[in-house]
Amino acid sequence: MANTDVDRTTSSDADSTRTLNVLLYSDDVDTRAAVRLAVGRRAARDLPQIEWVERATHDAVVSSADAGGIDLMILDGEAAKSGGMGLCRQLKDEIYNCPPVLVLTGRVQDAWLASWSLADAVVPHPLDPIAVNDAVADLIRTKVQ
């Protein structure tokens, strides 16, 4: 069976003092690419660069979160087999000082379910690049730094 987990990283510039590790979970490679494109290497000029830690399976996300070193998680609520909302709830319940979580929901009306998941922020599909970037930047400013 092929390994479906992807671990891509973006290196930081030498002048940057800190790099943020952002875990990005989706079973859809296009969703992961859309989020990376929306946020880029840095969510805003005043924020540190981002190192992307991409995961495509539930078990890989749990392992990465358990290992620590993750500053922010972006979970796709529409991921097959194990959606990001249930995974968010599990991580918030099981990990002491769980990093902030942005959940990508299937539609605007799913925001109530995302609140059950204890997500720190929510952005609905179809993904608006500006909304994704703003949510990531806000979470970094308020929860991470």
N, C-alpha and C. Protein backbone atom coordinates (compact mmCIF):
# COMPACT_ATOMS: atom_id res chain seq x y z
N MET A 1 0.84 -1.17 0.00
CA MET A 1 0.00 0.00 0.00
C MET A 1 0.89 1.24 0.00
N ALA A 2 0.57 2.18 -0.85
CA ALA A 2 1.39 3.38 -0.99
C ALA A 2 1.19 4.31 0.19
N ASN A 3 2.24 4.97 0.58
CA ASN A 3 2.18 5.95 1.65
C ASN A 3 1.56 7.22 1.10
N THR A 4 0.45 7.66 1.68
CA THR A 4 -0.26 8.84 1.17
C THR A 4 0.10 10.11 1.91
N ASP A 5 1.03 10.04 2.83
CA ASP A 5 1.42 11.23 3.58
C ASP A 5 2.48 11.99 2.79
N VAL A 6 2.39 13.28 2.85
CA VAL A 6 3.31 14.15 2.15
C VAL A 6 3.98 15.03 3.18
N ASP A 7 5.28 15.18 3.09
CA ASP A 7 5.99 16.07 3.99
C ASP A 7 6.81 17.03 3.15
N ARG A 8 6.23 18.20 2.88
CA ARG A 8 6.92 19.23 2.13
C ARG A 8 7.24 20.37 3.07
N THR A 9 8.38 20.94 2.88
CA THR A 9 8.74 22.07 3.72
C THR A 9 9.23 23.20 2.85
N THR A 10 9.06 24.38 3.34
CA THR A 10 9.57 25.58 2.69
C THR A 10 10.65 26.14 3.59
N SER A 11 11.85 26.28 3.07
CA SER A 11 12.94 26.78 3.90
C SER A 11 12.79 28.27 4.15
N SER A 12 13.34 28.70 5.26
CA SER A 12 13.23 30.11 5.63
C SER A 12 14.48 30.86 5.20
N ASP A 13 14.37 32.17 5.11
CA ASP A 13 15.52 33.01 4.79
C ASP A 13 16.48 33.04 5.99
N ALA A 14 17.72 33.33 5.71
CA ALA A 14 18.73 33.35 6.78
C ALA A 14 18.47 34.47 7.78
N ASP A 15 17.83 35.56 7.36
CA ASP A 15 17.62 36.69 8.28
C ASP A 15 16.41 36.51 9.18
N SER A 16 15.62 35.50 8.98
CA SER A 16 14.44 35.26 9.80
C SER A 16 14.86 34.60 11.11
N THR A 17 14.36 35.11 12.22
CA THR A 17 14.76 34.57 13.51
C THR A 17 13.92 33.37 13.92
N ARG A 18 12.70 33.28 13.42
CA ARG A 18 11.83 32.18 13.81
C ARG A 18 11.02 31.71 12.61
N THR A 19 10.83 30.42 12.54
CA THR A 19 9.99 29.82 11.51
C THR A 19 8.82 29.16 12.21
N LEU A 20 7.62 29.37 11.69
CA LEU A 20 6.43 28.74 12.24
C LEU A 20 6.16 27.43 11.51
N ASN A 21 5.91 26.38 12.27
CA ASN A 21 5.55 25.09 11.70
C ASN A 21 4.04 25.00 11.63
N VAL A 22 3.51 24.98 10.40
CA VAL A 22 2.07 24.92 10.19
C VAL A 22 1.71 23.57 9.57
N LEU A 23 0.93 22.80 10.32
CA LEU A 23 0.48 21.50 9.85
C LEU A 23 -0.76 21.72 8.98
N LEU A 24 -0.74 21.17 7.78
CA LEU A 24 -1.83 21.29 6.82
C LEU A 24 -2.35 19.91 6.49
N TYR A 25 -3.61 19.64 6.89
CA TYR A 25 -4.20 18.32 6.68
C TYR A 25 -5.35 18.38 5.68
N SER A 26 -5.22 17.58 4.64
CA SER A 26 -6.30 17.32 3.70
C SER A 26 -5.92 16.09 2.89
N ASP A 27 -6.92 15.28 2.56
CA ASP A 27 -6.63 14.14 1.70
C ASP A 27 -6.61 14.57 0.23
N ASP A 28 -6.97 15.82 -0.04
CA ASP A 28 -7.03 16.35 -1.40
C ASP A 28 -5.81 17.24 -1.66
N VAL A 29 -4.98 16.80 -2.58
CA VAL A 29 -3.76 17.55 -2.89
C VAL A 29 -4.09 18.95 -3.41
N ASP A 30 -5.21 19.11 -4.10
CA ASP A 30 -5.59 20.43 -4.61
C ASP A 30 -5.97 21.39 -3.49
N THR A 31 -6.62 20.87 -2.46
CA THR A 31 -6.96 21.71 -1.30
C THR A 31 -5.69 22.16 -0.60
N ARG A 32 -4.75 21.24 -0.41
CA ARG A 32 -3.48 21.62 0.22
C ARG A 32 -2.76 22.67 -0.60
N ALA A 33 -2.75 22.50 -1.92
CA ALA A 33 -2.08 23.47 -2.79
C ALA A 33 -2.78 24.83 -2.72
N ALA A 34 -4.11 24.85 -2.66
CA ALA A 34 -4.85 26.11 -2.59
C ALA A 34 -4.54 26.86 -1.30
N VAL A 35 -4.42 26.14 -0.20
CA VAL A 35 -4.09 26.79 1.09
C VAL A 35 -2.67 27.33 1.05
N ARG A 36 -1.74 26.52 0.58
CA ARG A 36 -0.34 26.99 0.50
C ARG A 36 -0.22 28.21 -0.40
N LEU A 37 -0.94 28.21 -1.51
CA LEU A 37 -0.91 29.35 -2.42
C LEU A 37 -1.54 30.59 -1.78
N ALA A 38 -2.62 30.41 -1.04
CA ALA A 38 -3.31 31.53 -0.39
C ALA A 38 -2.44 32.18 0.68
N VAL A 39 -1.73 31.37 1.44
CA VAL A 39 -0.95 31.88 2.56
C VAL A 39 0.48 32.23 2.14
N GLY A 40 1.04 31.41 1.30
CA GLY A 40 2.42 31.65 0.86
C GLY A 40 3.43 31.25 1.90
N ARG A 41 4.63 31.80 1.79
CA ARG A 41 5.69 31.48 2.74
C ARG A 41 5.60 32.28 4.02
N ARG A 42 4.76 33.33 3.99
CA ARG A 42 4.60 34.21 5.14
C ARG A 42 3.18 34.78 5.05
N ALA A 43 2.41 34.68 6.12
CA ALA A 43 1.02 35.13 6.09
C ALA A 43 0.91 36.65 6.01
N ALA A 44 1.90 37.35 6.54
CA ALA A 44 1.94 38.81 6.48
C ALA A 44 3.39 39.24 6.67
N ARG A 45 3.68 40.45 6.26
CA ARG A 45 5.06 40.95 6.32
C ARG A 45 5.61 40.99 7.74
N ASP A 46 4.75 41.20 8.72
CA ASP A 46 5.21 41.32 10.10
C ASP A 46 5.31 39.98 10.82
N LEU A 47 5.03 38.90 10.12
CA LEU A 47 5.02 37.57 10.74
C LEU A 47 6.18 36.72 10.24
N PRO A 48 6.58 35.73 11.05
CA PRO A 48 7.67 34.84 10.63
C PRO A 48 7.29 34.00 9.41
N GLN A 49 8.30 33.46 8.78
CA GLN A 49 8.06 32.57 7.65
C GLN A 49 7.45 31.26 8.13
N ILE A 50 6.80 30.58 7.20
CA ILE A 50 6.09 29.35 7.50
C ILE A 50 6.81 28.16 6.89
N GLU A 51 6.92 27.13 7.68
CA GLU A 51 7.38 25.84 7.18
C GLU A 51 6.15 24.93 7.16
N TRP A 52 5.76 24.48 5.99
CA TRP A 52 4.56 23.65 5.84
C TRP A 52 4.86 22.20 6.16
N VAL A 53 4.01 21.62 6.97
CA VAL A 53 4.08 20.19 7.29
C VAL A 53 2.77 19.60 6.79
N GLU A 54 2.81 18.98 5.62
CA GLU A 54 1.60 18.47 4.99
C GLU A 54 1.33 17.03 5.40
N ARG A 55 0.07 16.76 5.70
CA ARG A 55 -0.36 15.42 6.07
C ARG A 55 -1.65 15.09 5.33
N ALA A 56 -1.78 13.81 4.94
CA ALA A 56 -2.95 13.37 4.18
C ALA A 56 -3.79 12.33 4.91
N THR A 57 -3.36 11.91 6.10
CA THR A 57 -4.12 10.92 6.85
C THR A 57 -4.28 11.34 8.31
N HIS A 58 -5.32 10.83 8.91
CA HIS A 58 -5.62 11.10 10.31
C HIS A 58 -4.46 10.69 11.20
N ASP A 59 -3.97 9.47 11.03
CA ASP A 59 -2.89 8.97 11.88
C ASP A 59 -1.63 9.83 11.79
N ALA A 60 -1.33 10.32 10.60
CA ALA A 60 -0.14 11.16 10.43
C ALA A 60 -0.31 12.50 11.16
N VAL A 61 -1.52 13.03 11.17
CA VAL A 61 -1.77 14.28 11.89
C VAL A 61 -1.61 14.07 13.39
N VAL A 62 -2.20 13.01 13.90
CA VAL A 62 -2.11 12.72 15.34
C VAL A 62 -0.66 12.51 15.74
N SER A 63 0.10 11.77 14.93
CA SER A 63 1.52 11.53 15.24
C SER A 63 2.31 12.84 15.25
N SER A 64 2.06 13.69 14.27
CA SER A 64 2.77 14.97 14.19
C SER A 64 2.40 15.87 15.36
N ALA A 65 1.13 15.90 15.70
CA ALA A 65 0.68 16.74 16.82
C ALA A 65 1.24 16.22 18.14
N ASP A 66 1.26 14.91 18.32
CA ASP A 66 1.82 14.31 19.53
C ASP A 66 3.31 14.60 19.67
N ALA A 67 4.02 14.65 18.55
CA ALA A 67 5.46 14.88 18.57
C ALA A 67 5.79 16.31 19.00
N GLY A 68 4.83 17.23 18.82
CA GLY A 68 5.05 18.62 19.21
C GLY A 68 5.74 19.41 18.13
N GLY A 69 5.98 20.68 18.43
CA GLY A 69 6.66 21.55 17.49
C GLY A 69 5.77 22.16 16.43
N ILE A 70 4.47 21.96 16.52
CA ILE A 70 3.52 22.53 15.57
C ILE A 70 2.97 23.82 16.19
N ASP A 71 2.99 24.90 15.42
CA ASP A 71 2.51 26.20 15.91
C ASP A 71 1.06 26.47 15.55
N LEU A 72 0.60 25.91 14.44
CA LEU A 72 -0.75 26.14 13.95
C LEU A 72 -1.15 24.95 13.10
N MET A 73 -2.43 24.56 13.17
CA MET A 73 -2.93 23.47 12.34
C MET A 73 -4.07 23.97 11.47
N ILE A 74 -4.07 23.54 10.22
CA ILE A 74 -5.16 23.82 9.30
C ILE A 74 -5.71 22.46 8.88
N LEU A 75 -6.97 22.21 9.24
CA LEU A 75 -7.58 20.90 9.01
C LEU A 75 -8.76 21.02 8.06
N ASP A 76 -8.79 20.16 7.06
CA ASP A 76 -9.87 20.16 6.07
C ASP A 76 -11.06 19.37 6.63
N GLY A 77 -12.14 20.08 6.90
CA GLY A 77 -13.34 19.44 7.41
C GLY A 77 -13.99 18.51 6.41
N GLU A 78 -13.61 18.60 5.16
CA GLU A 78 -14.20 17.78 4.10
C GLU A 78 -13.31 16.60 3.71
N ALA A 79 -12.26 16.36 4.46
CA ALA A 79 -11.37 15.23 4.15
C ALA A 79 -12.13 13.92 4.30
N ALA A 80 -11.89 13.01 3.37
CA ALA A 80 -12.58 11.71 3.38
C ALA A 80 -12.05 10.84 4.52
N LYS A 81 -12.89 9.95 4.98
CA LYS A 81 -12.62 9.00 6.06
C LYS A 81 -12.55 9.66 7.43
N SER A 82 -11.74 10.68 7.56
CA SER A 82 -11.60 11.36 8.85
C SER A 82 -11.58 12.87 8.61
N GLY A 83 -12.71 13.50 8.84
CA GLY A 83 -12.81 14.94 8.59
C GLY A 83 -12.07 15.76 9.63
N GLY A 84 -11.77 16.97 9.26
CA GLY A 84 -11.00 17.85 10.11
C GLY A 84 -11.72 18.30 11.36
N MET A 85 -13.07 18.32 11.34
CA MET A 85 -13.79 18.78 12.54
C MET A 85 -13.70 17.77 13.67
N GLY A 86 -13.92 16.51 13.36
CA GLY A 86 -13.77 15.48 14.38
C GLY A 86 -12.34 15.36 14.86
N LEU A 87 -11.42 15.49 13.94
CA LEU A 87 -10.00 15.44 14.27
C LEU A 87 -9.62 16.63 15.16
N CYS A 88 -10.16 17.81 14.87
CA CYS A 88 -9.90 18.98 15.70
C CYS A 88 -10.38 18.74 17.12
N ARG A 89 -11.58 18.22 17.26
CA ARG A 89 -12.14 17.95 18.60
C ARG A 89 -11.25 16.97 19.35
N GLN A 90 -10.82 15.91 18.66
CA GLN A 90 -9.94 14.92 19.28
C GLN A 90 -8.64 15.56 19.75
N LEU A 91 -8.01 16.36 18.90
CA LEU A 91 -6.74 16.98 19.26
C LEU A 91 -6.90 17.96 20.41
N LYS A 92 -7.97 18.75 20.40
CA LYS A 92 -8.22 19.71 21.48
C LYS A 92 -8.47 19.00 22.81
N ASP A 93 -9.09 17.82 22.76
CA ASP A 93 -9.35 17.05 23.97
C ASP A 93 -8.12 16.30 24.48
N GLU A 94 -7.25 15.88 23.58
CA GLU A 94 -6.16 14.99 23.96
C GLU A 94 -4.80 15.66 24.14
N ILE A 95 -4.59 16.83 23.55
CA ILE A 95 -3.27 17.45 23.59
C ILE A 95 -3.29 18.66 24.51
N TYR A 96 -2.43 18.61 25.52
CA TYR A 96 -2.30 19.73 26.44
C TYR A 96 -1.71 20.92 25.67
N ASN A 97 -2.30 22.09 25.83
CA ASN A 97 -1.89 23.29 25.10
C ASN A 97 -1.86 23.04 23.59
N CYS A 98 -2.94 22.49 23.09
CA CYS A 98 -3.06 22.22 21.65
C CYS A 98 -2.88 23.52 20.87
N PRO A 99 -2.12 23.46 19.78
CA PRO A 99 -1.95 24.68 18.97
C PRO A 99 -3.30 25.13 18.40
N PRO A 100 -3.40 26.38 18.00
CA PRO A 100 -4.65 26.85 17.39
C PRO A 100 -4.95 26.09 16.11
N VAL A 101 -6.25 25.97 15.81
CA VAL A 101 -6.68 25.20 14.65
C VAL A 101 -7.63 26.03 13.79
N LEU A 102 -7.34 26.05 12.50
CA LEU A 102 -8.23 26.61 11.49
C LEU A 102 -8.88 25.44 10.79
N VAL A 103 -10.22 25.40 10.78
CA VAL A 103 -10.93 24.32 10.09
C VAL A 103 -11.54 24.86 8.81
N LEU A 104 -11.35 24.11 7.74
CA LEU A 104 -11.95 24.44 6.44
C LEU A 104 -13.25 23.64 6.33
N THR A 105 -14.38 24.34 6.32
CA THR A 105 -15.68 23.66 6.28
C THR A 105 -16.19 23.56 4.86
N GLY A 106 -17.19 22.68 4.69
CA GLY A 106 -17.76 22.47 3.37
C GLY A 106 -18.61 23.62 2.88
N ARG A 107 -19.19 24.35 3.82
CA ARG A 107 -20.06 25.47 3.46
C ARG A 107 -20.21 26.38 4.66
N VAL A 108 -20.70 27.57 4.44
CA VAL A 108 -20.85 28.56 5.50
C VAL A 108 -21.74 28.02 6.62
N GLN A 109 -22.78 27.28 6.26
CA GLN A 109 -23.73 26.77 7.24
C GLN A 109 -23.12 25.76 8.22
N ASP A 110 -21.93 25.28 7.95
CA ASP A 110 -21.27 24.31 8.83
C ASP A 110 -20.50 24.97 9.98
N ALA A 111 -20.58 26.28 10.09
CA ALA A 111 -19.85 26.99 11.15
C ALA A 111 -20.27 26.52 12.54
N TRP A 112 -21.55 26.17 12.72
CA TRP A 112 -22.01 25.70 14.03
C TRP A 112 -21.31 24.39 14.41
N LEU A 113 -21.08 23.53 13.43
CA LEU A 113 -20.40 22.26 13.69
C LEU A 113 -18.92 22.51 14.00
N ALA A 114 -18.34 23.47 13.32
CA ALA A 114 -16.95 23.82 13.60
C ALA A 114 -16.80 24.36 15.01
N SER A 115 -17.83 25.05 15.52
CA SER A 115 -17.75 25.53 16.90
C SER A 115 -17.76 24.36 17.88
N TRP A 116 -18.51 23.29 17.56
CA TRP A 116 -18.48 22.07 18.38
C TRP A 116 -17.08 21.48 18.40
N SER A 117 -16.38 21.58 17.29
CA SER A 117 -15.04 20.97 17.18
C SER A 117 -13.99 21.73 17.97
N LEU A 118 -14.36 22.88 18.52
CA LEU A 118 -13.45 23.75 19.28
C LEU A 118 -12.40 24.43 18.41
N ALA A 119 -12.71 24.56 17.11
CA ALA A 119 -11.80 25.24 16.18
C ALA A 119 -11.65 26.70 16.60
N ASP A 120 -10.46 27.22 16.41
CA ASP A 120 -10.19 28.62 16.75
C ASP A 120 -10.64 29.57 15.64
N ALA A 121 -10.74 29.05 14.41
CA ALA A 121 -11.20 29.85 13.28
C ALA A 121 -11.76 28.90 12.22
N VAL A 122 -12.62 29.46 11.35
CA VAL A 122 -13.28 28.66 10.33
C VAL A 122 -13.29 29.44 9.01
N VAL A 123 -13.00 28.73 7.92
CA VAL A 123 -13.13 29.30 6.58
C VAL A 123 -13.87 28.26 5.75
N PRO A 124 -14.96 28.67 5.06
CA PRO A 124 -15.73 27.71 4.26
C PRO A 124 -15.16 27.51 2.86
N HIS A 125 -15.47 26.34 2.29
CA HIS A 125 -15.24 26.10 0.86
C HIS A 125 -16.35 26.79 0.10
N PRO A 126 -16.18 27.23 -1.11
CA PRO A 126 -14.91 27.29 -1.82
C PRO A 126 -13.98 28.29 -1.14
N LEU A 127 -12.71 27.92 -1.11
CA LEU A 127 -11.75 28.71 -0.36
C LEU A 127 -11.47 30.06 -1.01
N ASP A 128 -11.69 31.11 -0.25
CA ASP A 128 -11.34 32.46 -0.67
C ASP A 128 -9.91 32.70 -0.18
N PRO A 129 -8.95 32.89 -1.08
CA PRO A 129 -7.56 33.04 -0.67
C PRO A 129 -7.34 34.15 0.36
N ILE A 130 -8.06 35.25 0.23
CA ILE A 130 -7.90 36.35 1.18
C ILE A 130 -8.42 35.94 2.56
N ALA A 131 -9.55 35.24 2.61
CA ALA A 131 -10.10 34.80 3.89
C ALA A 131 -9.18 33.79 4.56
N VAL A 132 -8.60 32.88 3.78
CA VAL A 132 -7.67 31.90 4.34
C VAL A 132 -6.45 32.61 4.90
N ASN A 133 -5.87 33.52 4.12
CA ASN A 133 -4.69 34.24 4.57
C ASN A 133 -4.97 35.07 5.81
N ASP A 134 -6.10 35.78 5.82
CA ASP A 134 -6.46 36.59 6.97
C ASP A 134 -6.66 35.75 8.23
N ALA A 135 -7.31 34.60 8.08
CA ALA A 135 -7.54 33.72 9.23
C ALA A 135 -6.22 33.20 9.79
N VAL A 136 -5.32 32.79 8.91
CA VAL A 136 -4.02 32.29 9.36
C VAL A 136 -3.24 33.41 10.05
N ALA A 137 -3.20 34.58 9.44
CA ALA A 137 -2.46 35.70 10.04
C ALA A 137 -3.05 36.08 11.39
N ASP A 138 -4.38 36.13 11.50
CA ASP A 138 -5.02 36.47 12.78
C ASP A 138 -4.69 35.44 13.85
N LEU A 139 -4.73 34.15 13.50
CA LEU A 139 -4.42 33.12 14.49
C LEU A 139 -2.96 33.21 14.94
N ILE A 140 -2.08 33.48 14.01
CA ILE A 140 -0.67 33.60 14.38
C ILE A 140 -0.48 34.80 15.32
N ARG A 141 -1.09 35.91 14.99
CA ARG A 141 -0.93 37.11 15.81
C ARG A 141 -1.53 36.95 17.21
N THR A 142 -2.70 36.34 17.30
CA THR A 142 -3.39 36.28 18.58
C THR A 142 -3.09 35.05 19.42
N LYS A 143 -2.77 33.95 18.79
CA LYS A 143 -2.62 32.69 19.54
C LYS A 143 -1.19 32.17 19.59
N VAL A 144 -0.38 32.50 18.60
CA VAL A 144 0.94 31.89 18.53
C VAL A 144 2.03 32.79 19.09
N GLN A 145 2.05 34.05 18.69
CA GLN A 145 3.14 34.93 19.11
C GLN A 145 3.00 35.41 20.52
